Protein backbone atom coordinates (compact mmCIF):
# COMPACT_ATOMS: atom_id res chain seq x y z
CA UNK A 1 -2.97 10.48 5.15
CA UNK A 2 -6.23 11.46 7.01
CA UNK A 3 -9.32 9.59 7.57
CA UNK A 4 -12.14 11.88 6.70
CA UNK A 5 -14.95 9.67 7.54
CA UNK A 6 -15.42 6.11 9.03
CA UNK A 7 -18.67 4.22 8.97
CA UNK A 8 -19.01 0.62 10.21
CA UNK A 9 -21.22 -1.70 8.29
CA UNK A 10 -22.02 -4.77 10.58
CA UNK A 11 -24.30 -6.32 8.08
CA UNK A 12 -21.65 -6.59 5.51
CA UNK A 13 -18.81 -6.96 7.72
CA UNK A 14 -16.65 -4.09 6.75
CA UNK A 15 -15.63 -0.60 7.62
CA UNK A 16 -16.32 2.06 5.04
CA UNK A 17 -13.52 4.86 5.08
CA UNK A 18 -13.02 8.01 3.02
CA UNK A 19 -9.25 9.00 3.11
CA UNK A 20 -7.55 12.17 2.17
CA UNK A 21 -3.92 11.98 0.84
CA UNK A 22 -2.61 15.51 0.91
CA UNK A 23 -0.37 16.62 -1.95
CA UNK A 24 -0.05 12.98 -3.20
CA UNK A 25 -1.82 13.56 -6.75
CA UNK A 26 0.42 12.03 -9.24
CA UNK A 27 2.71 10.39 -6.82
CA UNK A 28 0.47 7.67 -5.36
CA UNK A 29 -0.87 4.72 -7.07
CA UNK A 30 -3.51 2.23 -6.20
CA UNK A 31 -1.41 -0.37 -4.61
CA UNK A 32 0.50 2.25 -2.46
CA UNK A 33 -2.96 3.70 -1.38
CA UNK A 34 -4.12 0.33 -0.18
CA UNK A 35 -0.81 -0.46 1.65
CA UNK A 36 -1.23 2.93 3.53
CA UNK A 37 -4.80 2.17 4.45
CA UNK A 38 -4.01 -1.24 5.62
CA UNK A 39 -1.24 0.10 7.81
CA UNK A 40 -3.40 2.63 9.29
CA UNK A 41 -6.25 0.11 9.97
CA UNK A 42 -3.89 -2.51 11.21
CA UNK A 43 -5.37 -4.95 8.64
CA UNK A 44 -3.94 -7.15 6.15
CA UNK A 45 -3.71 -5.67 2.42
CA UNK A 46 -5.92 -8.53 1.14
CA UNK A 47 -8.96 -7.09 3.27
CA UNK A 48 -8.75 -3.68 1.81
CA UNK A 49 -10.59 -2.91 -1.31
CA UNK A 50 -10.03 0.60 -3.03
CA UNK A 51 -13.33 1.71 -4.84
CA UNK A 52 -12.24 5.32 -5.95
CA UNK A 53 -9.14 7.22 -5.90
CA UNK A 54 -10.15 10.72 -7.18
CA UNK A 55 -8.24 14.16 -7.22
CA UNK A 56 -9.91 17.45 -8.00
CA UNK A 57 -8.92 20.57 -10.04
CA UNK A 58 -6.81 23.23 -8.34
CA UNK A 59 -5.41 20.92 -5.64
CA UNK A 60 -2.95 18.14 -5.42
CA UNK A 61 -4.89 16.32 -2.65
CA UNK A 62 -6.47 12.88 -3.45
CA UNK A 63 -9.72 11.53 -1.84
CA UNK A 64 -10.01 7.87 -1.68
CA UNK A 65 -13.00 5.49 -0.81
CA UNK A 66 -12.06 2.21 0.73
CA UNK A 67 -13.81 -0.74 2.37
CA UNK A 68 -11.90 -2.63 4.95
CA UNK A 69 -13.43 -6.14 5.51
CA UNK A 70 -13.38 -8.25 8.70
CA UNK A 71 -11.98 -11.18 6.72
CA UNK A 72 -10.58 -11.96 3.36
CA UNK A 73 -13.33 -14.40 2.65
CA UNK A 74 -16.05 -11.78 3.41
CA UNK A 75 -14.22 -9.43 0.87
CA UNK A 76 -14.39 -12.04 -1.86
CA UNK A 77 -18.12 -12.68 -1.10
CA UNK A 78 -19.24 -9.06 -1.11
CA UNK A 79 -16.78 -7.06 -3.24
CA UNK A 80 -17.17 -7.01 -6.95
CA UNK A 81 -14.69 -8.94 -8.89
CA UNK A 82 -13.51 -6.08 -11.04
CA UNK A 83 -12.10 -4.13 -8.24
CA UNK A 84 -9.45 -7.00 -7.57
CA UNK A 85 -8.71 -7.18 -11.28
CA UNK A 86 -7.91 -3.42 -11.42
CA UNK A 87 -4.87 -4.11 -9.10
CA UNK A 88 -3.31 -6.92 -11.40
CA UNK A 89 -0.40 -6.22 -13.97
CA UNK A 90 -1.05 -6.46 -17.65
CA UNK A 91 0.41 -9.88 -17.86
CA UNK A 92 -1.84 -11.20 -15.18
CA UNK A 93 -4.86 -9.69 -16.78
CA UNK A 94 -3.92 -11.24 -20.11
CA UNK A 95 -3.44 -14.71 -18.52
CA UNK A 96 -6.72 -14.43 -17.03
CA UNK A 97 -8.34 -13.48 -20.20
CA UNK A 98 -6.81 -16.44 -22.05
CA UNK A 99 -7.86 -18.97 -19.34
CA UNK A 100 -11.47 -17.66 -19.56
CA UNK A 101 -11.17 -17.84 -23.52
CA UNK A 102 -10.20 -21.64 -23.19
CA UNK A 103 -12.85 -22.26 -20.65
CA UNK A 104 -15.55 -20.60 -22.98
CA UNK A 105 -14.19 -22.49 -25.83
CA UNK A 106 -14.35 -25.93 -24.11
CA UNK A 107 -17.84 -25.27 -22.89
CA UNK A 108 -18.97 -24.38 -26.28
CA UNK A 109 -17.45 -27.51 -27.96
CA UNK A 110 -18.98 -29.57 -25.16
CA UNK A 111 -22.31 -28.06 -25.90
CA UNK A 112 -22.07 -28.63 -29.59
CA UNK A 113 -21.08 -32.23 -29.21
CA UNK A 114 -23.96 -32.91 -26.72
CA UNK A 115 -26.52 -31.27 -29.07
CA UNK A 116 -28.42 -33.81 -31.10
CA UNK A 117 -28.09 -33.35 -34.87
CA UNK A 118 -31.34 -33.51 -36.51
CA UNK A 119 -31.53 -33.11 -40.33
CA UNK A 120 -34.56 -33.36 -42.25
CA UNK A 121 -34.87 -34.99 -45.47
């Protein structure tokens, strides 16, 4: 693992990294990439967000873009939610989807019950 570029963003409370994983195409998944970057930056894995992990044709190298936040709360405030969902298992994603459906159904039912029923005769 080699850090290609590093940029500190004080306003957002994060460090933006581009990391080169040599000869790791097909052998490295997202969670392992986050673990490697967290270890290299002496940070907790919960503070690291993976934006992109891309290979290129003709080489087995991977280039990853990461954000390492100063705190976990800062990551939750600034980072997009879908980036965290990418790391979940299928079962966890399905559970979140079902919970959202139940919440939407409950909100719809409450809205329908609260709406006045006016019938014209």
